[in-house]
Amino acid sequence: MARISTDESSRVYRMFLRRIHRWTQRQIDWLEGPDAAEDTFTSFFK
């Protein structure tokens, strides 16, 4: 098994998280519409 350096694995991990985050945002936009993100953001700080 190849040994992966810490910075390399963390880079892959961040890329993986970014891909999941982007996919999740797309699902939210599709489910709730374009204004949902702003509504969630503003209601969170109220």
PDB file of N, CA and C in Angstrom:
ATOM      1  N   MET A   1       0.849  -1.197   0.000  1.00  0.00           N
ATOM      2  CA  MET A   1       0.000   0.000   0.000  1.00  0.00           C
ATOM      3  C   MET A   1       0.888   1.252   0.000  1.00  0.00           C
ATOM      4  N   ALA A   2       0.600   2.150  -0.897  1.00  0.00           N
ATOM      5  CA  ALA A   2       1.417   3.355  -1.012  1.00  0.00           C
ATOM      6  C   ALA A   2       1.145   4.298   0.154  1.00  0.00           C
ATOM      7  N   ARG A   3       2.209   4.886   0.647  1.00  0.00           N
ATOM      8  CA  ARG A   3       2.075   5.811   1.775  1.00  0.00           C
ATOM      9  C   ARG A   3       1.866   7.225   1.241  1.00  0.00           C
ATOM     10  N   ILE A   4       0.765   7.844   1.639  1.00  0.00           N
ATOM     11  CA  ILE A   4       0.417   9.172   1.145  1.00  0.00           C
ATOM     12  C   ILE A   4       0.826  10.212   2.183  1.00  0.00           C
ATOM     13  N   SER A   5       1.459  11.273   1.731  1.00  0.00           N
ATOM     14  CA  SER A   5       1.876  12.328   2.645  1.00  0.00           C
ATOM     15  C   SER A   5       0.652  13.054   3.198  1.00  0.00           C
ATOM     16  N   THR A   6       0.843  13.732   4.323  1.00  0.00           N
ATOM     17  CA  THR A   6      -0.282  14.354   5.019  1.00  0.00           C
ATOM     18  C   THR A   6      -0.904  15.467   4.184  1.00  0.00           C
ATOM     19  N   ASP A   7      -0.063  16.312   3.573  1.00  0.00           N
ATOM     20  CA  ASP A   7      -0.597  17.420   2.784  1.00  0.00           C
ATOM     21  C   ASP A   7      -1.324  16.925   1.542  1.00  0.00           C
ATOM     22  N   GLU A   8      -0.840  15.813   0.979  1.00  0.00           N
ATOM     23  CA  GLU A   8      -1.508  15.246  -0.192  1.00  0.00           C
ATOM     24  C   GLU A   8      -2.889  14.715   0.167  1.00  0.00           C
ATOM     25  N   SER A   9      -2.979  13.992   1.281  1.00  0.00           N
ATOM     26  CA  SER A   9      -4.262  13.428   1.694  1.00  0.00           C
ATOM     27  C   SER A   9      -5.240  14.529   2.085  1.00  0.00           C
ATOM     28  N   SER A  10      -4.740  15.585   2.746  1.00  0.00           N
ATOM     29  CA  SER A  10      -5.622  16.682   3.130  1.00  0.00           C
ATOM     30  C   SER A  10      -6.113  17.435   1.901  1.00  0.00           C
ATOM     31  N   ARG A  11      -5.259  17.512   0.870  1.00  0.00           N
ATOM     32  CA  ARG A  11      -5.671  18.180  -0.366  1.00  0.00           C
ATOM     33  C   ARG A  11      -6.797  17.407  -1.038  1.00  0.00           C
ATOM     34  N   VAL A  12      -6.663  16.083  -1.067  1.00  0.00           N
ATOM     35  CA  VAL A  12      -7.709  15.240  -1.642  1.00  0.00           C
ATOM     36  C   VAL A  12      -8.981  15.352  -0.814  1.00  0.00           C
ATOM     37  N   TYR A  13      -8.802  15.405   0.509  1.00  0.00           N
ATOM     38  CA  TYR A  13      -9.948  15.501   1.412  1.00  0.00           C
ATOM     39  C   TYR A  13     -10.708  16.797   1.199  1.00  0.00           C
ATOM     40  N   ARG A  14      -9.978  17.912   1.047  1.00  0.00           N
ATOM     41  CA  ARG A  14     -10.637  19.195   0.805  1.00  0.00           C
ATOM     42  C   ARG A  14     -11.363  19.201  -0.529  1.00  0.00           C
ATOM     43  N   MET A  15     -10.741  18.604  -1.555  1.00  0.00           N
ATOM     44  CA  MET A  15     -11.381  18.523  -2.861  1.00  0.00           C
ATOM     45  C   MET A  15     -12.663  17.698  -2.775  1.00  0.00           C
ATOM     46  N   PHE A  16     -12.597  16.621  -1.972  1.00  0.00           N
ATOM     47  CA  PHE A  16     -13.755  15.758  -1.773  1.00  0.00           C
ATOM     48  C   PHE A  16     -14.878  16.517  -1.077  1.00  0.00           C
ATOM     49  N   LEU A  17     -14.538  17.266  -0.024  1.00  0.00           N
ATOM     50  CA  LEU A  17     -15.543  18.035   0.706  1.00  0.00           C
ATOM     51  C   LEU A  17     -16.145  19.124  -0.169  1.00  0.00           C
ATOM     52  N   ARG A  18     -15.293  19.770  -0.972  1.00  0.00           N
ATOM     53  CA  ARG A  18     -15.782  20.837  -1.837  1.00  0.00           C
ATOM     54  C   ARG A  18     -16.781  20.295  -2.846  1.00  0.00           C
ATOM     55  N   ARG A  19     -16.498  19.085  -3.354  1.00  0.00           N
ATOM     56  CA  ARG A  19     -17.402  18.463  -4.328  1.00  0.00           C
ATOM     57  C   ARG A  19     -18.732  18.124  -3.686  1.00  0.00           C
ATOM     58  N   ILE A  20     -18.703  17.607  -2.456  1.00  0.00           N
ATOM     59  CA  ILE A  20     -19.936  17.287  -1.732  1.00  0.00           C
ATOM     60  C   ILE A  20     -20.723  18.559  -1.440  1.00  0.00           C
ATOM     61  N   HIS A  21     -20.013  19.614  -1.023  1.00  0.00           N
ATOM     62  CA  HIS A  21     -20.671  20.876  -0.704  1.00  0.00           C
ATOM     63  C   HIS A  21     -21.362  21.447  -1.937  1.00  0.00           C
ATOM     64  N   ARG A  22     -20.666  21.399  -3.074  1.00  0.00           N
ATOM     65  CA  ARG A  22     -21.238  21.934  -4.305  1.00  0.00           C
ATOM     66  C   ARG A  22     -22.473  21.141  -4.708  1.00  0.00           C
ATOM     67  N   TRP A  23     -22.414  19.806  -4.542  1.00  0.00           N
ATOM     68  CA  TRP A  23     -23.550  18.956  -4.885  1.00  0.00           C
ATOM     69  C   TRP A  23     -24.727  19.247  -3.967  1.00  0.00           C
ATOM     70  N   THR A  24     -24.447  19.431  -2.677  1.00  0.00           N
ATOM     71  CA  THR A  24     -25.503  19.720  -1.706  1.00  0.00           C
ATOM     72  C   THR A  24     -26.170  21.050  -2.016  1.00  0.00           C
ATOM     73  N   GLN A  25     -25.359  22.060  -2.337  1.00  0.00           N
ATOM     74  CA  GLN A  25     -25.919  23.361  -2.691  1.00  0.00           C
ATOM     75  C   GLN A  25     -26.822  23.249  -3.912  1.00  0.00           C
ATOM     76  N   ARG A  26     -26.418  22.440  -4.879  1.00  0.00           N
ATOM     77  CA  ARG A  26     -27.227  22.261  -6.086  1.00  0.00           C
ATOM     78  C   ARG A  26     -28.554  21.603  -5.749  1.00  0.00           C
ATOM     79  N   GLN A  27     -28.545  20.627  -4.833  1.00  0.00           N
ATOM     80  CA  GLN A  27     -29.779  19.964  -4.422  1.00  0.00           C
ATOM     81  C   GLN A  27     -30.706  20.945  -3.716  1.00  0.00           C
ATOM     82  N   ILE A  28     -30.141  21.792  -2.847  1.00  0.00           N
ATOM     83  CA  ILE A  28     -30.952  22.771  -2.117  1.00  0.00           C
ATOM     84  C   ILE A  28     -31.568  23.763  -3.094  1.00  0.00           C
ATOM     85  N   ASP A  29     -30.764  24.243  -4.046  1.00  0.00           N
ATOM     86  CA  ASP A  29     -31.277  25.190  -5.034  1.00  0.00           C
ATOM     87  C   ASP A  29     -32.396  24.566  -5.852  1.00  0.00           C
ATOM     88  N   TRP A  30     -32.234  23.290  -6.186  1.00  0.00           N
ATOM     89  CA  TRP A  30     -33.246  22.611  -6.993  1.00  0.00           C
ATOM     90  C   TRP A  30     -34.520  22.393  -6.192  1.00  0.00           C
ATOM     91  N   LEU A  31     -34.387  22.083  -4.905  1.00  0.00           N
ATOM     92  CA  LEU A  31     -35.556  21.779  -4.087  1.00  0.00           C
ATOM     93  C   LEU A  31     -36.316  23.038  -3.689  1.00  0.00           C
ATOM     94  N   GLU A  32     -35.580  24.088  -3.321  1.00  0.00           N
ATOM     95  CA  GLU A  32     -36.226  25.237  -2.689  1.00  0.00           C
ATOM     96  C   GLU A  32     -36.251  26.479  -3.563  1.00  0.00           C
ATOM     97  N   GLY A  33     -35.531  26.462  -4.676  1.00  0.00           N
ATOM     98  CA  GLY A  33     -35.535  27.618  -5.543  1.00  0.00           C
ATOM     99  C   GLY A  33     -34.368  28.547  -5.256  1.00  0.00           C
ATOM    100  N   PRO A  34     -34.172  29.547  -6.112  1.00  0.00           N
ATOM    101  CA  PRO A  34     -32.992  30.417  -6.039  1.00  0.00           C
ATOM    102  C   PRO A  34     -32.954  31.309  -4.804  1.00  0.00           C
ATOM    103  N   ASP A  35     -34.107  31.634  -4.224  1.00  0.00           N
ATOM    104  CA  ASP A  35     -34.130  32.551  -3.081  1.00  0.00           C
ATOM    105  C   ASP A  35     -33.957  31.834  -1.756  1.00  0.00           C
ATOM    106  N   ALA A  36     -33.946  30.507  -1.771  1.00  0.00           N
ATOM    107  CA  ALA A  36     -33.918  29.738  -0.529  1.00  0.00           C
ATOM    108  C   ALA A  36     -32.626  29.964   0.244  1.00  0.00           C
ATOM    109  N   ALA A  37     -31.511  30.053  -0.470  1.00  0.00           N
ATOM    110  CA  ALA A  37     -30.227  30.228   0.201  1.00  0.00           C
ATOM    111  C   ALA A  37     -30.199  31.550   0.960  1.00  0.00           C
ATOM    112  N   GLU A  38     -30.704  32.619   0.345  1.00  0.00           N
ATOM    113  CA  GLU A  38     -30.737  33.919   1.008  1.00  0.00           C
ATOM    114  C   GLU A  38     -31.692  33.891   2.188  1.00  0.00           C
ATOM    115  N   ASP A  39     -32.840  33.245   2.028  1.00  0.00           N
ATOM    116  CA  ASP A  39     -33.804  33.156   3.118  1.00  0.00           C
ATOM    117  C   ASP A  39     -33.210  32.411   4.303  1.00  0.00           C
ATOM    118  N   THR A  40     -32.533  31.316   4.044  1.00  0.00           N
ATOM    119  CA  THR A  40     -31.907  30.543   5.109  1.00  0.00           C
ATOM    120  C   THR A  40     -30.832  31.366   5.791  1.00  0.00           C
ATOM    121  N   PHE A  41     -30.067  32.098   5.006  1.00  0.00           N
ATOM    122  CA  PHE A  41     -28.972  32.895   5.545  1.00  0.00           C
ATOM    123  C   PHE A  41     -29.507  34.007   6.442  1.00  0.00           C
ATOM    124  N   THR A  42     -30.543  34.712   5.983  1.00  0.00           N
ATOM    125  CA  THR A  42     -31.072  35.835   6.753  1.00  0.00           C
ATOM    126  C   THR A  42     -31.824  35.351   7.987  1.00  0.00           C
ATOM    127  N   SER A  43     -32.592  34.270   7.848  1.00  0.00           N
ATOM    128  CA  SER A  43     -33.359  33.766   8.988  1.00  0.00           C
ATOM    129  C   SER A  43     -32.434  33.196  10.052  1.00  0.00           C
ATOM    130  N   PHE A  44     -31.265  32.738   9.641  1.00  0.00           N
ATOM    131  CA  PHE A  44     -30.306  32.185  10.588  1.00  0.00           C
ATOM    132  C   PHE A  44     -29.791  33.264  11.531  1.00  0.00           C
ATOM    133  N   PHE A  45     -29.682  34.500  11.030  1.00  0.00           N
ATOM    134  CA  PHE A  45     -29.127  35.581  11.837  1.00  0.00           C
ATOM    135  C   PHE A  45     -30.201  36.444  12.488  1.00  0.00           C
ATOM    136  N   LYS A  46     -31.468  36.058  12.345  1.00  0.00           N
ATOM    137  CA  LYS A  46     -32.528  36.843  12.972  1.00  0.00           C
ATOM    138  C   LYS A  46     -32.732  36.417  14.412  1.00  0.00           C
TER     139      LYS A  46
END
